[in-house]
Every structure is written in C-alpha cells, then in structure tokens.
Amino acid sequence: MSAENQCPVCAMEVNPHLALSEPYDGQSYYFCSEGCREQFLKDPKTYVGE
C-alpha cells in the first residue's frame, strides 16, 4: 500500500479519489475521516515524519 492510500493519522486504507484531502508542504495527504484530518491539521509534522 502506498502512502497515498493510507491515512497518515491512523494508517487506515483510503481511496484517494473519494477521501478528504489536505495539502501540506507541496504534497496532498488523504484522510479516512474529518476527525483524522483535524488531528493532522493540529500538528502536521507529527504525521509526516519531520
């Protein structure tokens, strides 16, 4: 499974064509739920490995 097919917050598989997305640092991240997207937005560096 590629990173594009995985929610960065909970690692759940997502369909990038249907999932919520958020751009960060020149890349799009896809989320399984609004809750995971909101968690990501609080501290994106936690989830992108910076």
C-alpha atoms as a PDB file:
ATOM      1  CA  MET A   1       0.000   0.000   0.000  1.00  0.00           C
ATOM      2  CA  SER A   2       1.420   3.398  -0.944  1.00  0.00           C
ATOM      3  CA  ALA A   3       1.392   6.358   1.427  1.00  0.00           C
ATOM      4  CA  GLU A   4      -1.213   7.991  -0.824  1.00  0.00           C
ATOM      5  CA  ASN A   5      -3.608   5.155   0.029  1.00  0.00           C
ATOM      6  CA  GLN A   6      -3.126   5.443   3.784  1.00  0.00           C
ATOM      7  CA  CYS A   7      -4.448   7.945   6.301  1.00  0.00           C
ATOM      8  CA  PRO A   8      -1.318   9.494   7.906  1.00  0.00           C
ATOM      9  CA  VAL A   9      -3.037   9.737  11.303  1.00  0.00           C
ATOM     10  CA  CYS A  10      -4.417   6.223  11.857  1.00  0.00           C
ATOM     11  CA  ALA A  11      -2.900   4.268   8.929  1.00  0.00           C
ATOM     12  CA  MET A  12      -6.333   3.178   7.690  1.00  0.00           C
ATOM     13  CA  GLU A  13      -6.561   2.447   3.971  1.00  0.00           C
ATOM     14  CA  VAL A  14      -8.250   5.231   1.976  1.00  0.00           C
ATOM     15  CA  ASN A  15      -9.322   5.754  -1.614  1.00  0.00           C
ATOM     16  CA  PRO A  16      -7.597   8.989  -2.729  1.00  0.00           C
ATOM     17  CA  HIS A  17     -10.378   9.598  -5.261  1.00  0.00           C
ATOM     18  CA  LEU A  18     -13.023   9.701  -2.510  1.00  0.00           C
ATOM     19  CA  ALA A  19     -11.131  10.632   0.660  1.00  0.00           C
ATOM     20  CA  LEU A  20     -10.849  14.016   2.326  1.00  0.00           C
ATOM     21  CA  SER A  21      -7.548  15.649   1.449  1.00  0.00           C
ATOM     22  CA  GLU A  22      -5.318  18.408   2.707  1.00  0.00           C
ATOM     23  CA  PRO A  23      -2.249  19.885   1.023  1.00  0.00           C
ATOM     24  CA  TYR A  24       0.850  20.208   3.162  1.00  0.00           C
ATOM     25  CA  ASP A  25       4.379  21.138   2.127  1.00  0.00           C
ATOM     26  CA  GLY A  26       3.677  20.582  -1.581  1.00  0.00           C
ATOM     27  CA  GLN A  27       2.008  17.181  -1.159  1.00  0.00           C
ATOM     28  CA  SER A  28      -1.585  16.047  -0.773  1.00  0.00           C
ATOM     29  CA  TYR A  29      -2.496  13.917   2.225  1.00  0.00           C
ATOM     30  CA  TYR A  30      -5.673  11.816   2.321  1.00  0.00           C
ATOM     31  CA  PHE A  31      -7.781  11.038   5.384  1.00  0.00           C
ATOM     32  CA  CYS A  32     -10.289   8.391   6.409  1.00  0.00           C
ATOM     33  CA  SER A  33     -12.390  10.901   8.377  1.00  0.00           C
ATOM     34  CA  GLU A  34     -12.811  14.554   9.252  1.00  0.00           C
ATOM     35  CA  GLY A  35     -11.533  13.737  12.747  1.00  0.00           C
ATOM     36  CA  CYS A  36      -8.230  12.456  11.376  1.00  0.00           C
ATOM     37  CA  ARG A  37      -7.925  15.471   9.083  1.00  0.00           C
ATOM     38  CA  GLU A  38      -8.492  17.813  12.043  1.00  0.00           C
ATOM     39  CA  GLN A  39      -5.902  15.924  14.118  1.00  0.00           C
ATOM     40  CA  PHE A  40      -3.396  16.249  11.260  1.00  0.00           C
ATOM     41  CA  LEU A  41      -4.018  19.998  10.994  1.00  0.00           C
ATOM     42  CA  LYS A  42      -3.221  20.493  14.693  1.00  0.00           C
ATOM     43  CA  ASP A  43       0.359  19.235  14.183  1.00  0.00           C
ATOM     44  CA  PRO A  44       1.167  18.004  10.655  1.00  0.00           C
ATOM     45  CA  LYS A  45       4.856  17.444  11.415  1.00  0.00           C
ATOM     46  CA  THR A  46       3.897  14.634  13.781  1.00  0.00           C
ATOM     47  CA  TYR A  47       2.377  12.712  10.877  1.00  0.00           C
ATOM     48  CA  VAL A  48       4.764  13.466   8.009  1.00  0.00           C
ATOM     49  CA  GLY A  49       7.962  12.479   9.782  1.00  0.00           C
ATOM     50  CA  GLU A  50       9.639  15.876  10.026  1.00  0.00           C
END
